[in-house]
Every structure is written in C-alpha cells, then in structure tokens.
Amino acid sequence: MSATTNRSFWQDKTGVPGIIRETPIPSTLAQDEVLVKDIAGTVERVGSGPSSQRFKAGDRVLGYAMGEPSLSKPENGAFQDYVVLDHALAVKIPDSLSFAEAAVFPLCLATAGHALFGPKYLALPLPKAPGAPRTGKSVLVWGGASGVGSNAVQLAKAAGFDVLATCSPRNFGYVRGLGADKVFDYNR
C-alpha cells in the first residue's frame, strides 16, 4: 500500500459479500475533523478548527465511526485503514492501553447507550448534569463488569437511576466503583 492509498471494506448491496477496495486517503478535513490511521490508532492530520487542535499528529487515539464507507462519503466508516472522525468522537488513550483493547470501547459504549436510551429499547431519559435530582427508579444491569455492562452502569447512574448490577463476587468492588448501588452474584 502506498502512502496515498486507503484500503476500505465495501458492501455494495445486501446479500453480496463485501470486498476490500483501494481508495484515496482523504486529503481535506473539515475544521473539526481528525484523520486517524485505524479506528484505534494514531492521528495523521487534524482540521484547522479550534476543537480539533486538542489533537496533534502522532497522538494515540480511539474513535467512534459507524459501518462501512458509502459512495457519498467514502472517508466515513470504521472499516478502513484511514478514518475521518469528528473531534468529539475521538479521545486520547494512554500508552498502557493497547490499540486492540481501545478498539472495543466505542462499541461497548454505543451498545449500552442504545439499549438504555434508544426509542425501540428501554427509552430511558438521557443523562443529566451532575447534581441533578435522582429519578427514584432502578435499572438492573446484568453483567455489570463486562464491557457493555460497565458502560451501562455508568450511563444509567448518570441518567439519575439507582443501579443494581450482577457480576462475580471478585468484581463487586469494581462495579460499585463504577456507580452501582447494589451488586449481586450472578451465580446466585
């Protein structure tokens, strides 16, 4: 692969196997965008806007992008070597976290958020500002120590709910530290 080639996963229509295509690496960025080598990887370039300036080339980041590129926006989508991200959907990661470990976080957060707040699922009210009144209602998170569960505990707590969670006894402290009000052994 040359320095100007991007490999992207494309699926032209439902039922047809996807393929890898070479596309140009995006050459222009909107003000508040960053170009990242892999969805959890290093920043290649940043847009000119003030918000994107919190990043610089070489920063280790993870980001959130959905699906595959489209014909109208080939630079969007997670399934490619070079991904354009809105600055608000990227975050720096510490050197102690591998790119493989970081790559799963956005999916876990999105899954928990969709399940809790999505209109076709629980449709709970969105998180509030710190110090907002509690709802007086409870949410049960099954598997509170898992990737999705640990995000669900924090999101439900931020939305004002009392959080009950299941996990193994060895994770009780961890899950309480995330905000669970009560934890239960999932084997009992």
N, C-alpha and C. Protein backbone atom coordinates (compact mmCIF):
# COMPACT_ATOMS: atom_id res chain seq x y z
N MET A 1 0.84 -1.18 0.00
CA MET A 1 0.00 0.00 0.00
C MET A 1 0.88 1.24 0.00
N SER A 2 0.62 2.15 -0.90
CA SER A 2 1.41 3.37 -0.95
C SER A 2 0.89 4.36 0.08
N ALA A 3 1.61 5.46 0.28
CA ALA A 3 1.25 6.47 1.27
C ALA A 3 -0.01 7.24 0.88
N THR A 4 -0.52 7.03 -0.31
CA THR A 4 -1.74 7.74 -0.73
C THR A 4 -2.92 6.80 -0.93
N THR A 5 -2.78 5.55 -0.52
CA THR A 5 -3.83 4.58 -0.73
C THR A 5 -4.43 4.13 0.59
N ASN A 6 -5.74 4.06 0.61
CA ASN A 6 -6.51 3.62 1.76
C ASN A 6 -7.21 2.32 1.37
N ARG A 7 -7.17 1.33 2.23
CA ARG A 7 -7.94 0.11 1.99
C ARG A 7 -9.23 0.21 2.78
N SER A 8 -10.38 0.03 2.10
CA SER A 8 -11.69 0.17 2.71
C SER A 8 -12.53 -1.06 2.43
N PHE A 9 -13.33 -1.46 3.41
CA PHE A 9 -14.28 -2.55 3.24
C PHE A 9 -15.57 -1.98 2.65
N TRP A 10 -16.04 -2.56 1.56
CA TRP A 10 -17.26 -2.10 0.90
C TRP A 10 -18.21 -3.28 0.74
N GLN A 11 -19.48 -3.01 0.95
CA GLN A 11 -20.52 -3.97 0.60
C GLN A 11 -21.52 -3.21 -0.26
N ASP A 12 -21.56 -3.55 -1.53
CA ASP A 12 -22.36 -2.79 -2.49
C ASP A 12 -23.86 -2.94 -2.30
N LYS A 13 -24.30 -4.12 -1.85
CA LYS A 13 -25.72 -4.30 -1.55
C LYS A 13 -25.87 -5.51 -0.64
N THR A 14 -27.02 -5.57 0.01
CA THR A 14 -27.31 -6.64 0.95
C THR A 14 -27.26 -7.98 0.23
N GLY A 15 -26.67 -8.96 0.91
CA GLY A 15 -26.60 -10.30 0.35
C GLY A 15 -25.40 -10.56 -0.53
N VAL A 16 -24.64 -9.52 -0.82
CA VAL A 16 -23.44 -9.65 -1.65
C VAL A 16 -22.24 -9.56 -0.72
N PRO A 17 -21.30 -10.49 -0.81
CA PRO A 17 -20.13 -10.42 0.07
C PRO A 17 -19.38 -9.10 -0.08
N GLY A 18 -18.87 -8.61 1.02
CA GLY A 18 -18.07 -7.39 0.99
C GLY A 18 -16.71 -7.63 0.38
N ILE A 19 -16.09 -6.55 -0.07
CA ILE A 19 -14.76 -6.64 -0.66
C ILE A 19 -13.90 -5.49 -0.13
N ILE A 20 -12.61 -5.64 -0.25
CA ILE A 20 -11.67 -4.58 0.10
C ILE A 20 -11.34 -3.83 -1.18
N ARG A 21 -11.49 -2.50 -1.14
CA ARG A 21 -11.15 -1.66 -2.27
C ARG A 21 -10.10 -0.65 -1.85
N GLU A 22 -9.28 -0.28 -2.80
CA GLU A 22 -8.34 0.81 -2.56
C GLU A 22 -9.03 2.12 -2.91
N THR A 23 -8.93 3.08 -2.02
CA THR A 23 -9.49 4.41 -2.22
C THR A 23 -8.42 5.41 -1.80
N PRO A 24 -8.53 6.65 -2.24
CA PRO A 24 -7.54 7.64 -1.80
C PRO A 24 -7.70 7.95 -0.32
N ILE A 25 -6.58 8.23 0.32
CA ILE A 25 -6.64 8.73 1.69
C ILE A 25 -7.22 10.13 1.62
N PRO A 26 -8.21 10.45 2.46
CA PRO A 26 -8.81 11.79 2.40
C PRO A 26 -7.74 12.87 2.48
N SER A 27 -7.83 13.82 1.57
CA SER A 27 -6.81 14.87 1.52
C SER A 27 -7.26 16.16 2.20
N THR A 28 -8.56 16.31 2.40
CA THR A 28 -9.06 17.50 3.09
C THR A 28 -9.89 17.09 4.29
N LEU A 29 -9.84 17.91 5.31
CA LEU A 29 -10.61 17.67 6.52
C LEU A 29 -11.45 18.90 6.81
N ALA A 30 -12.65 18.69 7.34
CA ALA A 30 -13.44 19.81 7.83
C ALA A 30 -12.73 20.35 9.07
N GLN A 31 -13.12 21.54 9.50
CA GLN A 31 -12.44 22.21 10.62
C GLN A 31 -12.26 21.33 11.85
N ASP A 32 -13.31 20.62 12.23
CA ASP A 32 -13.28 19.88 13.49
C ASP A 32 -13.14 18.38 13.30
N GLU A 33 -12.45 17.98 12.25
CA GLU A 33 -12.21 16.56 12.00
C GLU A 33 -10.75 16.20 12.21
N VAL A 34 -10.54 14.91 12.46
CA VAL A 34 -9.18 14.37 12.55
C VAL A 34 -9.10 13.14 11.67
N LEU A 35 -7.95 12.92 11.08
CA LEU A 35 -7.69 11.74 10.27
C LEU A 35 -6.86 10.79 11.11
N VAL A 36 -7.38 9.57 11.30
CA VAL A 36 -6.73 8.58 12.17
C VAL A 36 -6.37 7.35 11.36
N LYS A 37 -5.16 6.85 11.55
CA LYS A 37 -4.73 5.57 10.94
C LYS A 37 -5.30 4.47 11.82
N ASP A 38 -6.36 3.82 11.34
CA ASP A 38 -7.16 2.80 12.04
C ASP A 38 -8.04 3.45 13.11
N ILE A 39 -9.14 2.81 13.43
CA ILE A 39 -10.12 3.38 14.36
C ILE A 39 -9.55 3.55 15.77
N ALA A 40 -8.64 2.70 16.15
CA ALA A 40 -7.83 2.90 17.35
C ALA A 40 -6.40 2.91 16.83
N GLY A 41 -5.81 4.10 16.77
CA GLY A 41 -4.50 4.23 16.16
C GLY A 41 -3.92 5.60 16.41
N THR A 42 -3.20 6.09 15.42
CA THR A 42 -2.52 7.37 15.59
C THR A 42 -3.12 8.44 14.68
N VAL A 43 -3.12 9.66 15.19
CA VAL A 43 -3.61 10.80 14.41
C VAL A 43 -2.60 11.08 13.31
N GLU A 44 -3.12 11.21 12.09
CA GLU A 44 -2.29 11.56 10.94
C GLU A 44 -2.32 13.06 10.67
N ARG A 45 -3.54 13.65 10.71
CA ARG A 45 -3.71 15.09 10.49
C ARG A 45 -4.91 15.57 11.28
N VAL A 46 -4.95 16.88 11.53
CA VAL A 46 -6.10 17.48 12.22
C VAL A 46 -6.64 18.64 11.38
N GLY A 47 -7.94 18.88 11.52
CA GLY A 47 -8.56 20.02 10.86
C GLY A 47 -8.09 21.32 11.47
N SER A 48 -8.47 22.43 10.86
CA SER A 48 -7.99 23.75 11.28
C SER A 48 -8.81 24.36 12.41
N GLY A 49 -9.94 23.76 12.76
CA GLY A 49 -10.81 24.33 13.79
C GLY A 49 -10.22 24.24 15.19
N PRO A 50 -10.66 25.13 16.08
CA PRO A 50 -10.12 25.14 17.43
C PRO A 50 -10.38 23.85 18.21
N SER A 51 -11.50 23.21 17.97
CA SER A 51 -11.83 21.98 18.72
C SER A 51 -10.90 20.83 18.36
N SER A 52 -10.50 20.74 17.11
CA SER A 52 -9.63 19.64 16.70
C SER A 52 -8.18 19.84 17.14
N GLN A 53 -7.85 21.04 17.61
CA GLN A 53 -6.47 21.34 17.98
C GLN A 53 -6.02 20.65 19.27
N ARG A 54 -6.95 19.98 19.96
CA ARG A 54 -6.54 19.21 21.14
C ARG A 54 -5.77 17.96 20.74
N PHE A 55 -5.78 17.67 19.44
CA PHE A 55 -5.01 16.55 18.90
C PHE A 55 -3.86 17.06 18.06
N LYS A 56 -2.82 16.22 17.96
CA LYS A 56 -1.71 16.52 17.06
C LYS A 56 -1.28 15.22 16.41
N ALA A 57 -0.60 15.33 15.28
CA ALA A 57 -0.12 14.14 14.58
C ALA A 57 0.71 13.30 15.53
N GLY A 58 0.44 12.00 15.51
CA GLY A 58 1.17 11.07 16.36
C GLY A 58 0.44 10.71 17.65
N ASP A 59 -0.58 11.48 18.05
CA ASP A 59 -1.34 11.15 19.25
C ASP A 59 -1.98 9.77 19.10
N ARG A 60 -1.97 9.00 20.18
CA ARG A 60 -2.66 7.71 20.22
C ARG A 60 -4.11 7.97 20.61
N VAL A 61 -5.05 7.53 19.76
CA VAL A 61 -6.47 7.80 20.00
C VAL A 61 -7.33 6.58 19.70
N LEU A 62 -8.56 6.66 20.18
CA LEU A 62 -9.61 5.75 19.72
C LEU A 62 -10.76 6.63 19.27
N GLY A 63 -11.57 6.10 18.40
CA GLY A 63 -12.68 6.89 17.91
C GLY A 63 -13.90 6.05 17.66
N TYR A 64 -14.99 6.73 17.38
CA TYR A 64 -16.25 6.06 17.08
C TYR A 64 -16.69 6.45 15.68
N ALA A 65 -16.84 5.46 14.84
CA ALA A 65 -17.36 5.63 13.49
C ALA A 65 -18.27 4.45 13.23
N MET A 66 -19.24 4.64 12.38
CA MET A 66 -20.22 3.58 12.16
C MET A 66 -20.11 3.00 10.77
N GLY A 67 -20.15 1.67 10.71
CA GLY A 67 -20.31 0.96 9.45
C GLY A 67 -19.18 1.12 8.46
N GLU A 68 -19.55 0.89 7.21
CA GLU A 68 -18.57 0.96 6.13
C GLU A 68 -18.71 2.27 5.37
N PRO A 69 -17.72 2.61 4.58
CA PRO A 69 -17.81 3.83 3.78
C PRO A 69 -18.99 3.77 2.82
N SER A 70 -19.47 4.93 2.40
CA SER A 70 -20.55 4.97 1.40
C SER A 70 -20.03 5.70 0.17
N LEU A 71 -20.76 5.57 -0.92
CA LEU A 71 -20.35 6.24 -2.15
C LEU A 71 -20.33 7.75 -1.98
N SER A 72 -21.26 8.30 -1.17
CA SER A 72 -21.30 9.74 -0.99
C SER A 72 -20.25 10.24 -0.01
N LYS A 73 -19.84 9.42 0.95
CA LYS A 73 -18.85 9.82 1.96
C LYS A 73 -17.88 8.66 2.18
N PRO A 74 -17.00 8.37 1.22
CA PRO A 74 -16.11 7.22 1.36
C PRO A 74 -15.13 7.33 2.53
N GLU A 75 -14.90 8.56 3.03
CA GLU A 75 -13.96 8.72 4.14
C GLU A 75 -14.59 8.37 5.48
N ASN A 76 -15.92 8.21 5.54
CA ASN A 76 -16.59 7.84 6.78
C ASN A 76 -16.61 6.32 6.93
N GLY A 77 -16.81 5.86 8.12
CA GLY A 77 -16.91 4.44 8.38
C GLY A 77 -15.67 3.89 9.03
N ALA A 78 -15.87 2.90 9.86
CA ALA A 78 -14.78 2.36 10.66
C ALA A 78 -13.94 1.32 9.93
N PHE A 79 -14.48 0.72 8.90
CA PHE A 79 -13.82 -0.42 8.30
C PHE A 79 -12.86 -0.02 7.19
N GLN A 80 -11.81 0.70 7.56
CA GLN A 80 -10.79 1.12 6.61
C GLN A 80 -9.52 1.50 7.36
N ASP A 81 -8.44 1.63 6.63
CA ASP A 81 -7.15 1.96 7.25
C ASP A 81 -7.11 3.38 7.79
N TYR A 82 -7.64 4.34 7.04
CA TYR A 82 -7.63 5.74 7.44
C TYR A 82 -9.06 6.22 7.62
N VAL A 83 -9.39 6.70 8.80
CA VAL A 83 -10.75 7.06 9.16
C VAL A 83 -10.82 8.55 9.50
N VAL A 84 -11.80 9.25 8.95
CA VAL A 84 -12.06 10.64 9.30
C VAL A 84 -13.08 10.64 10.44
N LEU A 85 -12.72 11.30 11.55
CA LEU A 85 -13.59 11.36 12.72
C LEU A 85 -13.88 12.80 13.11
N ASP A 86 -15.08 13.04 13.59
CA ASP A 86 -15.39 14.30 14.24
C ASP A 86 -14.57 14.33 15.52
N HIS A 87 -13.98 15.47 15.86
CA HIS A 87 -13.12 15.57 17.04
C HIS A 87 -13.84 15.11 18.30
N ALA A 88 -15.18 15.30 18.38
CA ALA A 88 -15.94 14.93 19.57
C ALA A 88 -16.11 13.42 19.71
N LEU A 89 -15.79 12.68 18.66
CA LEU A 89 -15.93 11.23 18.69
C LEU A 89 -14.57 10.54 18.77
N ALA A 90 -13.57 11.29 19.21
CA ALA A 90 -12.22 10.73 19.38
C ALA A 90 -11.70 11.14 20.75
N VAL A 91 -10.85 10.29 21.31
CA VAL A 91 -10.28 10.57 22.62
C VAL A 91 -8.87 9.97 22.66
N LYS A 92 -7.97 10.66 23.35
CA LYS A 92 -6.62 10.15 23.50
C LYS A 92 -6.64 8.93 24.42
N ILE A 93 -5.72 8.00 24.17
CA ILE A 93 -5.61 6.83 25.03
C ILE A 93 -4.21 6.78 25.62
N PRO A 94 -4.08 6.22 26.82
CA PRO A 94 -2.77 6.13 27.46
C PRO A 94 -1.89 5.09 26.79
N ASP A 95 -0.59 5.24 26.95
CA ASP A 95 0.35 4.28 26.39
C ASP A 95 0.15 2.87 26.96
N SER A 96 -0.41 2.78 28.16
CA SER A 96 -0.61 1.48 28.81
C SER A 96 -1.75 0.68 28.19
N LEU A 97 -2.56 1.30 27.34
CA LEU A 97 -3.69 0.63 26.71
C LEU A 97 -3.32 0.30 25.27
N SER A 98 -3.44 -0.98 24.91
CA SER A 98 -3.13 -1.37 23.53
C SER A 98 -4.23 -0.87 22.59
N PHE A 99 -3.89 -0.77 21.31
CA PHE A 99 -4.90 -0.36 20.33
C PHE A 99 -6.03 -1.39 20.27
N ALA A 100 -5.70 -2.68 20.39
CA ALA A 100 -6.73 -3.73 20.36
C ALA A 100 -7.69 -3.57 21.54
N GLU A 101 -7.17 -3.27 22.72
CA GLU A 101 -8.03 -3.05 23.88
C GLU A 101 -8.90 -1.81 23.69
N ALA A 102 -8.32 -0.75 23.18
CA ALA A 102 -9.05 0.50 23.00
C ALA A 102 -10.14 0.38 21.94
N ALA A 103 -9.92 -0.45 20.94
CA ALA A 103 -10.85 -0.54 19.81
C ALA A 103 -12.24 -1.00 20.22
N VAL A 104 -12.37 -1.76 21.30
CA VAL A 104 -13.69 -2.27 21.69
C VAL A 104 -14.51 -1.26 22.48
N PHE A 105 -13.88 -0.26 23.06
CA PHE A 105 -14.60 0.67 23.94
C PHE A 105 -15.75 1.40 23.24
N PRO A 106 -15.56 2.00 22.07
CA PRO A 106 -16.69 2.72 21.46
C PRO A 106 -17.90 1.82 21.19
N LEU A 107 -17.67 0.58 20.79
CA LEU A 107 -18.77 -0.33 20.53
C LEU A 107 -19.51 -0.66 21.82
N CYS A 108 -18.77 -0.87 22.90
CA CYS A 108 -19.41 -1.16 24.19
C CYS A 108 -20.24 0.02 24.66
N LEU A 109 -19.71 1.21 24.54
CA LEU A 109 -20.44 2.41 24.95
C LEU A 109 -21.69 2.61 24.09
N ALA A 110 -21.55 2.46 22.78
CA ALA A 110 -22.69 2.65 21.89
C ALA A 110 -23.77 1.60 22.14
N THR A 111 -23.38 0.36 22.39
CA THR A 111 -24.34 -0.71 22.66
C THR A 111 -25.12 -0.42 23.94
N ALA A 112 -24.40 -0.03 25.01
CA ALA A 112 -25.06 0.28 26.27
C ALA A 112 -25.99 1.49 26.11
N GLY A 113 -25.51 2.53 25.44
CA GLY A 113 -26.32 3.72 25.25
C GLY A 113 -27.57 3.44 24.43
N HIS A 114 -27.41 2.66 23.38
CA HIS A 114 -28.56 2.32 22.53
C HIS A 114 -29.60 1.52 23.31
N ALA A 115 -29.14 0.54 24.09
CA ALA A 115 -30.07 -0.30 24.86
C ALA A 115 -30.80 0.51 25.92
N LEU A 116 -30.11 1.41 26.58
CA LEU A 116 -30.74 2.20 27.64
C LEU A 116 -31.63 3.31 27.11
N PHE A 117 -31.16 4.04 26.10
CA PHE A 117 -31.82 5.28 25.69
C PHE A 117 -32.51 5.22 24.34
N GLY A 118 -32.25 4.17 23.56
CA GLY A 118 -32.86 4.05 22.23
C GLY A 118 -34.37 3.94 22.30
N PRO A 119 -35.08 4.61 21.37
CA PRO A 119 -36.54 4.63 21.42
C PRO A 119 -37.20 3.26 21.22
N LYS A 120 -36.49 2.32 20.61
CA LYS A 120 -37.06 0.99 20.42
C LYS A 120 -36.65 0.02 21.52
N TYR A 121 -35.91 0.51 22.50
CA TYR A 121 -35.47 -0.36 23.59
C TYR A 121 -36.01 0.19 24.90
N LEU A 122 -35.19 0.50 25.88
CA LEU A 122 -35.71 0.98 27.16
C LEU A 122 -36.20 2.43 27.10
N ALA A 123 -35.66 3.22 26.20
CA ALA A 123 -36.07 4.63 26.01
C ALA A 123 -36.04 5.42 27.32
N LEU A 124 -35.02 5.20 28.12
CA LEU A 124 -34.88 5.93 29.38
C LEU A 124 -34.51 7.38 29.10
N PRO A 125 -34.76 8.28 30.05
CA PRO A 125 -34.33 9.67 29.85
C PRO A 125 -32.81 9.74 29.82
N LEU A 126 -32.30 10.68 29.05
CA LEU A 126 -30.85 10.82 28.87
C LEU A 126 -30.16 11.28 30.16
N PRO A 127 -28.84 11.02 30.29
CA PRO A 127 -28.10 11.50 31.46
C PRO A 127 -28.26 13.00 31.64
N LYS A 128 -28.12 13.41 32.90
CA LYS A 128 -28.32 14.81 33.29
C LYS A 128 -27.00 15.41 33.74
N ALA A 129 -27.05 16.70 34.01
CA ALA A 129 -25.87 17.38 34.56
C ALA A 129 -25.60 16.85 35.97
N PRO A 130 -24.34 16.82 36.39
CA PRO A 130 -24.02 16.37 37.75
C PRO A 130 -24.84 17.14 38.78
N GLY A 131 -25.32 16.42 39.79
CA GLY A 131 -26.10 17.04 40.85
C GLY A 131 -27.59 17.12 40.55
N ALA A 132 -28.01 16.68 39.37
CA ALA A 132 -29.44 16.69 39.03
C ALA A 132 -30.18 15.70 39.93
N PRO A 133 -31.47 15.92 40.16
CA PRO A 133 -32.21 15.02 41.05
C PRO A 133 -32.27 13.59 40.50
N ARG A 134 -32.32 12.64 41.39
CA ARG A 134 -32.43 11.22 41.03
C ARG A 134 -33.85 10.94 40.56
N THR A 135 -34.06 9.89 39.81
CA THR A 135 -35.39 9.56 39.30
C THR A 135 -36.23 8.81 40.32
N GLY A 136 -35.59 8.16 41.28
CA GLY A 136 -36.32 7.32 42.23
C GLY A 136 -36.63 5.95 41.66
N LYS A 137 -36.12 5.66 40.47
CA LYS A 137 -36.34 4.37 39.82
C LYS A 137 -35.02 3.62 39.73
N SER A 138 -35.13 2.32 39.49
CA SER A 138 -33.94 1.47 39.41
C SER A 138 -33.78 0.85 38.04
N VAL A 139 -32.54 0.55 37.71
CA VAL A 139 -32.21 -0.18 36.49
C VAL A 139 -31.33 -1.36 36.89
N LEU A 140 -31.62 -2.54 36.33
CA LEU A 140 -30.80 -3.73 36.56
C LEU A 140 -29.89 -3.92 35.36
N VAL A 141 -28.60 -3.99 35.63
CA VAL A 141 -27.61 -4.26 34.58
C VAL A 141 -27.06 -5.66 34.82
N TRP A 142 -27.37 -6.56 33.92
CA TRP A 142 -26.89 -7.93 34.02
C TRP A 142 -25.49 -7.99 33.42
N GLY A 143 -24.52 -8.41 34.22
CA GLY A 143 -23.14 -8.46 33.74
C GLY A 143 -22.46 -7.11 33.87
N GLY A 144 -22.54 -6.50 35.05
CA GLY A 144 -22.04 -5.14 35.27
C GLY A 144 -20.54 -4.97 35.10
N ALA A 145 -19.78 -6.06 35.12
CA ALA A 145 -18.32 -5.95 34.96
C ALA A 145 -17.89 -6.15 33.51
N SER A 146 -18.82 -6.49 32.63
CA SER A 146 -18.46 -6.70 31.23
C SER A 146 -18.23 -5.36 30.54
N GLY A 147 -17.76 -5.39 29.32
CA GLY A 147 -17.52 -4.16 28.58
C GLY A 147 -18.79 -3.34 28.41
N VAL A 148 -19.86 -3.96 27.94
CA VAL A 148 -21.13 -3.25 27.77
C VAL A 148 -21.73 -2.93 29.12
N GLY A 149 -21.71 -3.89 30.03
CA GLY A 149 -22.31 -3.69 31.35
C GLY A 149 -21.66 -2.57 32.14
N SER A 150 -20.34 -2.46 32.09
CA SER A 150 -19.66 -1.40 32.84
C SER A 150 -20.02 -0.02 32.31
N ASN A 151 -20.25 0.08 31.01
CA ASN A 151 -20.72 1.35 30.43
C ASN A 151 -22.17 1.60 30.81
N ALA A 152 -22.99 0.56 30.81
CA ALA A 152 -24.41 0.71 31.17
C ALA A 152 -24.56 1.17 32.62
N VAL A 153 -23.75 0.63 33.52
CA VAL A 153 -23.81 1.06 34.92
C VAL A 153 -23.57 2.56 35.01
N GLN A 154 -22.51 3.04 34.37
CA GLN A 154 -22.16 4.46 34.45
C GLN A 154 -23.21 5.35 33.79
N LEU A 155 -23.72 4.93 32.63
CA LEU A 155 -24.72 5.73 31.93
C LEU A 155 -26.04 5.78 32.70
N ALA A 156 -26.48 4.64 33.23
CA ALA A 156 -27.73 4.62 34.00
C ALA A 156 -27.60 5.48 35.25
N LYS A 157 -26.47 5.41 35.91
CA LYS A 157 -26.24 6.25 37.10
C LYS A 157 -26.28 7.73 36.72
N ALA A 158 -25.64 8.08 35.60
CA ALA A 158 -25.62 9.47 35.14
C ALA A 158 -27.02 9.95 34.75
N ALA A 159 -27.89 9.02 34.37
CA ALA A 159 -29.26 9.37 34.00
C ALA A 159 -30.16 9.51 35.22
N GLY A 160 -29.62 9.29 36.41
CA GLY A 160 -30.38 9.50 37.63
C GLY A 160 -31.02 8.27 38.23
N PHE A 161 -30.65 7.11 37.75
CA PHE A 161 -31.25 5.87 38.25
C PHE A 161 -30.41 5.25 39.37
N ASP A 162 -31.08 4.53 40.27
CA ASP A 162 -30.37 3.64 41.19
C ASP A 162 -30.00 2.43 40.35
N VAL A 163 -28.77 1.98 40.46
CA VAL A 163 -28.29 0.90 39.60
C VAL A 163 -28.05 -0.36 40.41
N LEU A 164 -28.68 -1.44 40.00
CA LEU A 164 -28.46 -2.77 40.53
C LEU A 164 -27.71 -3.53 39.45
N ALA A 165 -26.70 -4.29 39.83
CA ALA A 165 -25.91 -4.99 38.82
C ALA A 165 -25.55 -6.38 39.30
N THR A 166 -25.39 -7.28 38.36
CA THR A 166 -24.88 -8.61 38.66
C THR A 166 -23.45 -8.71 38.15
N CYS A 167 -22.66 -9.51 38.84
CA CYS A 167 -21.29 -9.80 38.43
C CYS A 167 -20.77 -10.88 39.35
N SER A 168 -19.55 -11.31 39.14
CA SER A 168 -18.95 -12.29 40.05
C SER A 168 -18.50 -11.55 41.31
N PRO A 169 -18.45 -12.24 42.44
CA PRO A 169 -18.04 -11.58 43.69
C PRO A 169 -16.68 -10.88 43.59
N ARG A 170 -15.77 -11.41 42.78
CA ARG A 170 -14.45 -10.77 42.67
C ARG A 170 -14.53 -9.39 42.02
N ASN A 171 -15.64 -9.09 41.32
CA ASN A 171 -15.81 -7.79 40.66
C ASN A 171 -16.74 -6.85 41.41
N PHE A 172 -17.20 -7.23 42.61
CA PHE A 172 -18.12 -6.38 43.36
C PHE A 172 -17.54 -4.97 43.55
N GLY A 173 -16.32 -4.87 44.00
CA GLY A 173 -15.70 -3.57 44.25
C GLY A 173 -15.58 -2.73 42.98
N TYR A 174 -15.20 -3.37 41.91
CA TYR A 174 -15.07 -2.68 40.62
C TYR A 174 -16.41 -2.10 40.18
N VAL A 175 -17.46 -2.92 40.23
CA VAL A 175 -18.78 -2.48 39.76
C VAL A 175 -19.36 -1.42 40.70
N ARG A 176 -19.15 -1.56 41.99
CA ARG A 176 -19.57 -0.48 42.91
C ARG A 176 -18.83 0.81 42.59
N GLY A 177 -17.55 0.69 42.26
CA GLY A 177 -16.74 1.86 41.91
C GLY A 177 -17.23 2.56 40.64
N LEU A 178 -17.91 1.83 39.77
CA LEU A 178 -18.49 2.41 38.56
C LEU A 178 -19.78 3.17 38.85
N GLY A 179 -20.36 2.92 40.05
CA GLY A 179 -21.58 3.62 40.42
C GLY A 179 -22.74 2.73 40.81
N ALA A 180 -22.59 1.41 40.73
CA ALA A 180 -23.70 0.54 41.12
C ALA A 180 -24.02 0.72 42.59
N ASP A 181 -25.32 0.82 42.89
CA ASP A 181 -25.74 0.98 44.28
C ASP A 181 -25.75 -0.37 44.99
N LYS A 182 -26.10 -1.41 44.27
CA LYS A 182 -26.10 -2.76 44.85
C LYS A 182 -25.59 -3.73 43.79
N VAL A 183 -24.82 -4.71 44.24
CA VAL A 183 -24.33 -5.74 43.32
C VAL A 183 -24.71 -7.11 43.85
N PHE A 184 -24.96 -8.01 42.93
CA PHE A 184 -25.39 -9.35 43.26
C PHE A 184 -24.56 -10.36 42.49
N ASP A 185 -24.28 -11.49 43.13
CA ASP A 185 -23.55 -12.58 42.49
C ASP A 185 -24.43 -13.18 41.40
N TYR A 186 -23.99 -13.13 40.16
CA TYR A 186 -24.83 -13.64 39.07
C TYR A 186 -25.00 -15.15 39.10
N ASN A 187 -24.22 -15.85 39.92
CA ASN A 187 -24.39 -17.30 40.06
C ASN A 187 -25.45 -17.67 41.09
N ARG A 188 -25.94 -16.70 41.84
CA ARG A 188 -26.90 -17.00 42.90
C ARG A 188 -28.24 -16.50 42.47
